[in-house]
Amino acid sequence: MSLNQCADQLVLSLLPPGRIASVTYRAGVGAVSPEIAAKAKGVAVNHGLAEEVAAQAPDLIVGGLYTTPAARRLARKAGVPVIDLDAAESFADIRRITRQVAVAVGEPTRGEALIAAMDAELAELARTAPVRPLAVIAWNGSGRVPGGRSLFNDILTAAGAVNLAASDARFETSFDLEQLLALRPQPDLLLYGAAAVTAPGPQGEAARHPVLARAYGDRRIAYPEAAYQCGAPQAAQAARALRQAMLAAVTAEPGR
């Protein structure tokens, strides 16, 4: 039983549906790949409730830092083992966490296969990296950018780009609209999370600001946040997709 959206991705990657009691109701919405989204449709869902733990009586619970305390307490009281996964901040963390879950669910061989596929993708991306890394700004519209020590930054580096706004921060750092517009030379691309423009609110309004449209035009790329937030081996596929999108945008821009 998975009680964490990121844990969902690993459980669905490692196990057949028949061995999964349930995943969170967000598993399909935040899937790291279309394949995982499809697998999530055939599995029961939970809402992190203690009552669901009692009703489903799983042999193992895979959770995370934000798993509901009541569900954890009930599971431990009932003698059900609970794994609380760390947040992945790098590809090295993905390897470690994938092995942790794979061993816990009795699928170490499957876990190593997922890691091997990820590493093969990363090696190919490194072999075919652009001669000059693309200069980008990863900006979410609220004046925040991913830090230099984050999974996002590892994915971006693998894709062949460097985030000009990133500091040595572990997760995020501040970078407002005025700083973004004042950068010289101007970055090749502006990246932003897809939710920044699809969800209503000031963050979306900032990302859609007319001045950004004039400055960057079609050199703005939306990326799906789930693949950059959850430490699953499919993060290497996200790096591949991001490189393709970035190169297509740069090539399509007149004069570039």
C-alpha atoms as a PDB file:
ATOM      1  CA  MET A   1       0.000   0.000   0.000  1.00  0.00           C
ATOM      2  CA  SER A   2       1.439   3.365  -1.019  1.00  0.00           C
ATOM      3  CA  LEU A   3       0.524   6.454   0.994  1.00  0.00           C
ATOM      4  CA  ASN A   4       2.704   8.930  -0.875  1.00  0.00           C
ATOM      5  CA  GLN A   5       2.398  10.269  -4.418  1.00  0.00           C
ATOM      6  CA  CYS A   6       6.092   9.788  -5.187  1.00  0.00           C
ATOM      7  CA  ALA A   7       6.101   6.334  -3.592  1.00  0.00           C
ATOM      8  CA  ASP A   8       3.217   5.493  -5.950  1.00  0.00           C
ATOM      9  CA  GLN A   9       5.563   5.855  -8.912  1.00  0.00           C
ATOM     10  CA  LEU A  10       8.063   3.343  -7.562  1.00  0.00           C
ATOM     11  CA  VAL A  11       5.438   0.852  -6.391  1.00  0.00           C
ATOM     12  CA  LEU A  12       3.737   0.939  -9.790  1.00  0.00           C
ATOM     13  CA  SER A  13       7.097   0.579 -11.552  1.00  0.00           C
ATOM     14  CA  LEU A  14       8.188  -2.398  -9.466  1.00  0.00           C
ATOM     15  CA  LEU A  15       5.038  -4.467  -8.936  1.00  0.00           C
ATOM     16  CA  PRO A  16       2.162  -5.937 -10.958  1.00  0.00           C
ATOM     17  CA  PRO A  17      -1.314  -4.625 -10.065  1.00  0.00           C
ATOM     18  CA  GLY A  18      -2.184  -7.833  -8.244  1.00  0.00           C
ATOM     19  CA  ARG A  19       0.442  -7.142  -5.588  1.00  0.00           C
ATOM     20  CA  ILE A  20      -0.640  -3.554  -4.930  1.00  0.00           C
ATOM     21  CA  ALA A  21      -3.351  -3.021  -2.308  1.00  0.00           C
ATOM     22  CA  SER A  22      -3.740   0.634  -3.314  1.00  0.00           C
ATOM     23  CA  VAL A  23      -1.944   3.805  -4.335  1.00  0.00           C
ATOM     24  CA  THR A  24      -2.881   7.387  -3.581  1.00  0.00           C
ATOM     25  CA  TYR A  25      -5.689   9.027  -5.503  1.00  0.00           C
ATOM     26  CA  ARG A  26      -3.060  11.327  -7.064  1.00  0.00           C
ATOM     27  CA  ALA A  27      -0.996   8.483  -8.546  1.00  0.00           C
ATOM     28  CA  GLY A  28      -2.309   8.812 -12.097  1.00  0.00           C
ATOM     29  CA  VAL A  29      -2.606  12.597 -12.088  1.00  0.00           C
ATOM     30  CA  GLY A  30       1.016  13.063 -11.086  1.00  0.00           C
ATOM     31  CA  ALA A  31       2.449  10.102 -12.996  1.00  0.00           C
ATOM     32  CA  VAL A  32       6.065  10.386 -14.110  1.00  0.00           C
ATOM     33  CA  SER A  33       5.311   8.676 -17.436  1.00  0.00           C
ATOM     34  CA  PRO A  34       2.319   7.650 -19.576  1.00  0.00           C
ATOM     35  CA  GLU A  35       3.070   3.987 -18.750  1.00  0.00           C
ATOM     36  CA  ILE A  36       2.772   4.626 -15.019  1.00  0.00           C
ATOM     37  CA  ALA A  37      -0.425   6.620 -15.543  1.00  0.00           C
ATOM     38  CA  ALA A  38      -1.902   3.659 -17.427  1.00  0.00           C
ATOM     39  CA  LYS A  39      -0.909   1.205 -14.686  1.00  0.00           C
ATOM     40  CA  ALA A  40      -2.434   3.446 -12.027  1.00  0.00           C
ATOM     41  CA  LYS A  41      -5.863   3.138 -13.675  1.00  0.00           C
ATOM     42  CA  GLY A  42      -6.027  -0.539 -12.819  1.00  0.00           C
ATOM     43  CA  VAL A  43      -5.175  -0.195  -9.128  1.00  0.00           C
ATOM     44  CA  ALA A  44      -7.357   0.744  -6.163  1.00  0.00           C
ATOM     45  CA  VAL A  45      -6.753   4.178  -4.629  1.00  0.00           C
ATOM     46  CA  ASN A  46      -6.599   5.518  -1.095  1.00  0.00           C
ATOM     47  CA  HIS A  47      -6.755   8.939   0.531  1.00  0.00           C
ATOM     48  CA  GLY A  48      -4.209   8.324   3.266  1.00  0.00           C
ATOM     49  CA  LEU A  49      -6.849   7.473   5.872  1.00  0.00           C
ATOM     50  CA  ALA A  50      -6.239   5.204   8.829  1.00  0.00           C
ATOM     51  CA  GLU A  51      -9.577   3.499   8.093  1.00  0.00           C
ATOM     52  CA  GLU A  52      -8.282   2.519   4.650  1.00  0.00           C
ATOM     53  CA  VAL A  53      -5.176   0.988   6.180  1.00  0.00           C
ATOM     54  CA  ALA A  54      -7.362  -1.083   8.496  1.00  0.00           C
ATOM     55  CA  ALA A  55      -9.719  -2.170   5.704  1.00  0.00           C
ATOM     56  CA  GLN A  56      -7.012  -3.102   3.186  1.00  0.00           C
ATOM     57  CA  ALA A  57      -4.659  -4.759   5.714  1.00  0.00           C
ATOM     58  CA  PRO A  58      -1.515  -4.498   3.568  1.00  0.00           C
ATOM     59  CA  ASP A  59       1.677  -6.442   4.266  1.00  0.00           C
ATOM     60  CA  LEU A  60       3.794  -3.302   3.788  1.00  0.00           C
ATOM     61  CA  ILE A  61       3.176   0.436   3.620  1.00  0.00           C
ATOM     62  CA  VAL A  62       5.398   2.711   1.568  1.00  0.00           C
ATOM     63  CA  GLY A  63       5.066   6.341   2.596  1.00  0.00           C
ATOM     64  CA  GLY A  64       7.027   9.542   2.765  1.00  0.00           C
ATOM     65  CA  LEU A  65       7.763  12.551   4.901  1.00  0.00           C
ATOM     66  CA  TYR A  66       4.199  13.841   4.572  1.00  0.00           C
ATOM     67  CA  THR A  67       2.269  10.619   5.028  1.00  0.00           C
ATOM     68  CA  THR A  68      -0.599  11.194   7.476  1.00  0.00           C
ATOM     69  CA  PRO A  69       0.522  10.503  11.080  1.00  0.00           C
ATOM     70  CA  ALA A  70      -2.736   8.704  11.927  1.00  0.00           C
ATOM     71  CA  ALA A  71      -2.197   6.147   9.162  1.00  0.00           C
ATOM     72  CA  ARG A  72       1.377   5.590  10.284  1.00  0.00           C
ATOM     73  CA  ARG A  73       0.371   5.092  13.907  1.00  0.00           C
ATOM     74  CA  LEU A  74      -2.367   2.613  13.050  1.00  0.00           C
ATOM     75  CA  ALA A  75      -0.063   0.645  10.756  1.00  0.00           C
ATOM     76  CA  ARG A  76       2.647   0.351  13.366  1.00  0.00           C
ATOM     77  CA  LYS A  77       0.118  -0.521  16.069  1.00  0.00           C
ATOM     78  CA  ALA A  78      -1.171  -3.304  13.814  1.00  0.00           C
ATOM     79  CA  GLY A  79       2.379  -4.520  13.196  1.00  0.00           C
ATOM     80  CA  VAL A  80       2.460  -3.509   9.526  1.00  0.00           C
ATOM     81  CA  PRO A  81       5.977  -2.465   8.427  1.00  0.00           C
ATOM     82  CA  VAL A  82       6.206   1.146   7.214  1.00  0.00           C
ATOM     83  CA  ILE A  83       8.901   2.589   4.954  1.00  0.00           C
ATOM     84  CA  ASP A  84       9.204   6.380   4.979  1.00  0.00           C
ATOM     85  CA  LEU A  85      11.048   7.459   1.837  1.00  0.00           C
ATOM     86  CA  ASP A  86      13.318  10.479   1.698  1.00  0.00           C
ATOM     87  CA  ALA A  87      12.840  13.107  -0.988  1.00  0.00           C
ATOM     88  CA  ALA A  88      15.181  12.506  -3.933  1.00  0.00           C
ATOM     89  CA  GLU A  89      17.455  15.455  -4.686  1.00  0.00           C
ATOM     90  CA  SER A  90      19.677  13.778  -7.292  1.00  0.00           C
ATOM     91  CA  PHE A  91      20.022  10.775  -9.571  1.00  0.00           C
ATOM     92  CA  ALA A  92      22.194   9.213  -6.858  1.00  0.00           C
ATOM     93  CA  ASP A  93      19.233   9.512  -4.471  1.00  0.00           C
ATOM     94  CA  ILE A  94      16.980   7.870  -7.059  1.00  0.00           C
ATOM     95  CA  ARG A  95      19.303   4.859  -7.219  1.00  0.00           C
ATOM     96  CA  ARG A  96      19.364   4.559  -3.429  1.00  0.00           C
ATOM     97  CA  ILE A  97      15.607   4.946  -2.923  1.00  0.00           C
ATOM     98  CA  THR A  98      14.720   2.616  -5.808  1.00  0.00           C
ATOM     99  CA  ARG A  99      16.930  -0.101  -4.297  1.00  0.00           C
ATOM    100  CA  GLN A 100      15.383   0.515  -0.867  1.00  0.00           C
ATOM    101  CA  VAL A 101      11.835  -0.038  -2.145  1.00  0.00           C
ATOM    102  CA  ALA A 102      12.793  -2.869  -4.507  1.00  0.00           C
ATOM    103  CA  VAL A 103      14.366  -4.867  -1.692  1.00  0.00           C
ATOM    104  CA  ALA A 104      11.435  -4.169   0.647  1.00  0.00           C
ATOM    105  CA  VAL A 105       8.878  -5.495  -1.867  1.00  0.00           C
ATOM    106  CA  GLY A 106      11.027  -8.477  -2.873  1.00  0.00           C
ATOM    107  CA  GLU A 107      11.893  -7.223  -6.357  1.00  0.00           C
ATOM    108  CA  PRO A 108      15.632  -6.373  -6.255  1.00  0.00           C
ATOM    109  CA  THR A 109      16.212  -7.625  -9.801  1.00  0.00           C
ATOM    110  CA  ARG A 110      13.429  -5.435 -11.150  1.00  0.00           C
ATOM    111  CA  GLY A 111      14.858  -2.499  -9.214  1.00  0.00           C
ATOM    112  CA  GLU A 112      18.311  -2.988 -10.718  1.00  0.00           C
ATOM    113  CA  ALA A 113      16.776  -3.205 -14.189  1.00  0.00           C
ATOM    114  CA  LEU A 114      15.044   0.149 -13.694  1.00  0.00           C
ATOM    115  CA  ILE A 115      18.293   1.717 -12.495  1.00  0.00           C
ATOM    116  CA  ALA A 116      20.250   0.215 -15.402  1.00  0.00           C
ATOM    117  CA  ALA A 117      17.746   1.640 -17.890  1.00  0.00           C
ATOM    118  CA  MET A 118      18.009   5.053 -16.227  1.00  0.00           C
ATOM    119  CA  ASP A 119      21.793   4.985 -16.283  1.00  0.00           C
ATOM    120  CA  ALA A 120      21.872   3.902 -19.929  1.00  0.00           C
ATOM    121  CA  GLU A 121      19.634   6.858 -20.820  1.00  0.00           C
ATOM    122  CA  LEU A 122      21.841   9.234 -18.854  1.00  0.00           C
ATOM    123  CA  ALA A 123      24.973   7.881 -20.539  1.00  0.00           C
ATOM    124  CA  GLU A 124      23.449   8.417 -23.980  1.00  0.00           C
ATOM    125  CA  LEU A 125      22.393  11.939 -23.040  1.00  0.00           C
ATOM    126  CA  ALA A 126      25.946  12.675 -21.889  1.00  0.00           C
ATOM    127  CA  ARG A 127      27.400  11.239 -25.096  1.00  0.00           C
ATOM    128  CA  THR A 128      25.142  13.388 -27.290  1.00  0.00           C
ATOM    129  CA  ALA A 129      25.191  16.547 -25.146  1.00  0.00           C
ATOM    130  CA  PRO A 130      25.153  19.907 -26.957  1.00  0.00           C
ATOM    131  CA  VAL A 131      28.600  21.401 -27.491  1.00  0.00           C
ATOM    132  CA  ARG A 132      27.434  24.479 -25.593  1.00  0.00           C
ATOM    133  CA  PRO A 133      24.995  23.918 -22.743  1.00  0.00           C
ATOM    134  CA  LEU A 134      21.785  25.866 -23.286  1.00  0.00           C
ATOM    135  CA  ALA A 135      21.417  28.818 -20.937  1.00  0.00           C
ATOM    136  CA  VAL A 136      17.952  28.786 -19.378  1.00  0.00           C
ATOM    137  CA  ILE A 137      15.921  30.274 -16.574  1.00  0.00           C
ATOM    138  CA  ALA A 138      13.680  27.825 -14.736  1.00  0.00           C
ATOM    139  CA  TRP A 139      11.108  30.132 -13.193  1.00  0.00           C
ATOM    140  CA  ASN A 140       7.714  29.271 -11.718  1.00  0.00           C
ATOM    141  CA  GLY A 141       6.052  32.654 -11.843  1.00  0.00           C
ATOM    142  CA  SER A 142       6.156  33.256  -8.105  1.00  0.00           C
ATOM    143  CA  GLY A 143       9.692  34.542  -7.977  1.00  0.00           C
ATOM    144  CA  ARG A 144      11.171  31.148  -7.116  1.00  0.00           C
ATOM    145  CA  VAL A 145      13.620  28.989  -9.061  1.00  0.00           C
ATOM    146  CA  PRO A 146      14.962  25.472  -8.341  1.00  0.00           C
ATOM    147  CA  GLY A 147      18.220  25.453  -6.416  1.00  0.00           C
ATOM    148  CA  GLY A 148      21.516  24.109  -7.657  1.00  0.00           C
ATOM    149  CA  ARG A 149      21.270  21.112  -5.332  1.00  0.00           C
ATOM    150  CA  SER A 150      17.950  19.681  -6.482  1.00  0.00           C
ATOM    151  CA  LEU A 151      16.616  16.860  -8.628  1.00  0.00           C
ATOM    152  CA  PHE A 152      15.389  19.467 -11.089  1.00  0.00           C
ATOM    153  CA  ASN A 153      18.932  20.734 -11.520  1.00  0.00           C
ATOM    154  CA  ASP A 154      20.268  17.208 -12.087  1.00  0.00           C
ATOM    155  CA  ILE A 155      17.608  16.616 -14.756  1.00  0.00           C
ATOM    156  CA  LEU A 156      18.335  19.966 -16.377  1.00  0.00           C
ATOM    157  CA  THR A 157      22.073  19.257 -16.453  1.00  0.00           C
ATOM    158  CA  ALA A 158      21.479  15.835 -18.000  1.00  0.00           C
ATOM    159  CA  ALA A 159      19.287  17.492 -20.618  1.00  0.00           C
ATOM    160  CA  GLY A 160      22.193  19.736 -21.619  1.00  0.00           C
ATOM    161  CA  ALA A 161      21.330  23.038 -19.999  1.00  0.00           C
ATOM    162  CA  VAL A 162      22.316  25.259 -17.103  1.00  0.00           C
ATOM    163  CA  ASN A 163      19.899  27.292 -14.973  1.00  0.00           C
ATOM    164  CA  LEU A 164      21.317  30.813 -14.758  1.00  0.00           C
ATOM    165  CA  ALA A 165      19.127  31.669 -11.786  1.00  0.00           C
ATOM    166  CA  ALA A 166      20.112  28.697  -9.639  1.00  0.00           C
ATOM    167  CA  SER A 167      22.224  29.311  -6.566  1.00  0.00           C
ATOM    168  CA  ASP A 168      23.789  26.727  -4.295  1.00  0.00           C
ATOM    169  CA  ALA A 169      20.464  26.445  -2.486  1.00  0.00           C
ATOM    170  CA  ARG A 170      19.283  22.969  -1.658  1.00  0.00           C
ATOM    171  CA  PHE A 171      15.754  23.333  -2.991  1.00  0.00           C
ATOM    172  CA  GLU A 172      14.763  26.793  -4.202  1.00  0.00           C
ATOM    173  CA  THR A 173      16.007  30.345  -4.327  1.00  0.00           C
ATOM    174  CA  SER A 174      14.424  33.740  -5.045  1.00  0.00           C
ATOM    175  CA  PHE A 175      14.471  35.345  -8.473  1.00  0.00           C
ATOM    176  CA  ASP A 176      11.868  37.976  -9.296  1.00  0.00           C
ATOM    177  CA  LEU A 177      10.501  39.239 -12.607  1.00  0.00           C
ATOM    178  CA  GLU A 178      12.759  42.307 -12.640  1.00  0.00           C
ATOM    179  CA  GLN A 179      15.872  40.142 -12.242  1.00  0.00           C
ATOM    180  CA  LEU A 180      14.618  37.867 -14.992  1.00  0.00           C
ATOM    181  CA  LEU A 181      14.185  40.736 -17.456  1.00  0.00           C
ATOM    182  CA  ALA A 182      17.497  42.366 -16.538  1.00  0.00           C
ATOM    183  CA  LEU A 183      19.652  39.342 -17.373  1.00  0.00           C
ATOM    184  CA  ARG A 184      22.253  40.046 -20.049  1.00  0.00           C
ATOM    185  CA  PRO A 185      22.878  38.254 -22.278  1.00  0.00           C
ATOM    186  CA  GLN A 186      19.338  36.962 -22.363  1.00  0.00           C
ATOM    187  CA  PRO A 187      18.964  33.222 -21.687  1.00  0.00           C
ATOM    188  CA  ASP A 188      18.213  30.915 -24.580  1.00  0.00           C
ATOM    189  CA  LEU A 189      14.979  29.696 -22.992  1.00  0.00           C
ATOM    190  CA  LEU A 190      12.489  30.303 -20.197  1.00  0.00           C
ATOM    191  CA  LEU A 191      11.221  27.157 -18.467  1.00  0.00           C
ATOM    192  CA  TYR A 192       8.237  27.013 -16.125  1.00  0.00           C
ATOM    193  CA  GLY A 193       6.124  24.337 -14.495  1.00  0.00           C
ATOM    194  CA  ALA A 194       2.975  23.532 -16.428  1.00  0.00           C
ATOM    195  CA  ALA A 195       0.823  24.172 -13.353  1.00  0.00           C
ATOM    196  CA  ALA A 196       2.038  27.777 -13.345  1.00  0.00           C
ATOM    197  CA  VAL A 197      -0.048  28.538 -16.409  1.00  0.00           C
ATOM    198  CA  THR A 198      -2.890  26.044 -16.094  1.00  0.00           C
ATOM    199  CA  ALA A 199      -3.895  26.743 -12.498  1.00  0.00           C
ATOM    200  CA  PRO A 200      -5.676  30.063 -11.784  1.00  0.00           C
ATOM    201  CA  GLY A 201      -3.898  32.511  -9.497  1.00  0.00           C
ATOM    202  CA  PRO A 202      -1.149  35.127  -9.333  1.00  0.00           C
ATOM    203  CA  GLN A 203       1.562  32.609 -10.186  1.00  0.00           C
ATOM    204  CA  GLY A 204      -0.100  31.837 -13.503  1.00  0.00           C
ATOM    205  CA  GLU A 205      -0.680  35.520 -14.211  1.00  0.00           C
ATOM    206  CA  ALA A 206       3.023  36.239 -13.693  1.00  0.00           C
ATOM    207  CA  ALA A 207       4.076  33.389 -15.990  1.00  0.00           C
ATOM    208  CA  ARG A 208       1.707  34.737 -18.674  1.00  0.00           C
ATOM    209  CA  HIS A 209       2.906  38.336 -18.268  1.00  0.00           C
ATOM    210  CA  PRO A 210       2.921  40.156 -21.665  1.00  0.00           C
ATOM    211  CA  VAL A 211       6.471  41.368 -21.122  1.00  0.00           C
ATOM    212  CA  LEU A 212       7.667  37.760 -20.978  1.00  0.00           C
ATOM    213  CA  ALA A 213       5.829  37.009 -24.201  1.00  0.00           C
ATOM    214  CA  ARG A 214       7.631  39.896 -25.872  1.00  0.00           C
ATOM    215  CA  ALA A 215      11.020  38.953 -24.443  1.00  0.00           C
ATOM    216  CA  TYR A 216      10.895  35.199 -25.041  1.00  0.00           C
ATOM    217  CA  GLY A 217       8.146  34.524 -27.566  1.00  0.00           C
ATOM    218  CA  ASP A 218       8.099  30.825 -28.415  1.00  0.00           C
ATOM    219  CA  ARG A 219      11.233  30.248 -26.356  1.00  0.00           C
ATOM    220  CA  ARG A 220       9.064  29.432 -23.344  1.00  0.00           C
ATOM    221  CA  ILE A 221       8.705  25.767 -22.398  1.00  0.00           C
ATOM    222  CA  ALA A 222       6.305  24.253 -19.883  1.00  0.00           C
ATOM    223  CA  TYR A 223       7.471  21.082 -18.149  1.00  0.00           C
ATOM    224  CA  PRO A 224       5.413  18.552 -16.126  1.00  0.00           C
ATOM    225  CA  GLU A 225       6.418  19.019 -12.500  1.00  0.00           C
ATOM    226  CA  ALA A 226       5.763  15.432 -11.360  1.00  0.00           C
ATOM    227  CA  ALA A 227       8.726  13.991 -13.246  1.00  0.00           C
ATOM    228  CA  TYR A 228      10.972  16.603 -11.624  1.00  0.00           C
ATOM    229  CA  GLN A 229       9.638  16.257  -8.096  1.00  0.00           C
ATOM    230  CA  CYS A 230       9.428  12.496  -7.619  1.00  0.00           C
ATOM    231  CA  GLY A 231      12.592  10.454  -7.437  1.00  0.00           C
ATOM    232  CA  ALA A 232      11.736   7.712  -9.906  1.00  0.00           C
ATOM    233  CA  PRO A 233      14.072   6.185 -12.527  1.00  0.00           C
ATOM    234  CA  GLN A 234      11.852   7.681 -15.235  1.00  0.00           C
ATOM    235  CA  ALA A 235      13.514  11.033 -14.434  1.00  0.00           C
ATOM    236  CA  ALA A 236      16.051  10.183 -17.144  1.00  0.00           C
ATOM    237  CA  GLN A 237      13.198  10.030 -19.656  1.00  0.00           C
ATOM    238  CA  ALA A 238      12.129  13.469 -18.455  1.00  0.00           C
ATOM    239  CA  ALA A 239      15.642  14.741 -19.213  1.00  0.00           C
ATOM    240  CA  ARG A 240      15.435  13.293 -22.720  1.00  0.00           C
ATOM    241  CA  ALA A 241      12.028  14.888 -23.350  1.00  0.00           C
ATOM    242  CA  LEU A 242      13.241  18.229 -22.006  1.00  0.00           C
ATOM    243  CA  ARG A 243      16.274  18.227 -24.304  1.00  0.00           C
ATOM    244  CA  GLN A 244      14.079  17.533 -27.321  1.00  0.00           C
ATOM    245  CA  ALA A 245      11.712  20.366 -26.379  1.00  0.00           C
ATOM    246  CA  MET A 246      14.565  22.807 -25.736  1.00  0.00           C
ATOM    247  CA  LEU A 247      16.376  22.065 -28.994  1.00  0.00           C
ATOM    248  CA  ALA A 248      13.118  22.334 -30.951  1.00  0.00           C
ATOM    249  CA  ALA A 249      12.370  25.742 -29.392  1.00  0.00           C
ATOM    250  CA  VAL A 250      15.851  27.111 -30.002  1.00  0.00           C
ATOM    251  CA  THR A 251      15.940  25.846 -33.583  1.00  0.00           C
ATOM    252  CA  ALA A 252      12.532  27.336 -34.360  1.00  0.00           C
ATOM    253  CA  GLU A 253      13.493  30.805 -33.070  1.00  0.00           C
ATOM    254  CA  PRO A 254      14.477  33.126 -35.958  1.00  0.00           C
ATOM    255  CA  GLY A 255      18.098  34.164 -35.852  1.00  0.00           C
ATOM    256  CA  ARG A 256      19.164  31.368 -33.499  1.00  0.00           C
END
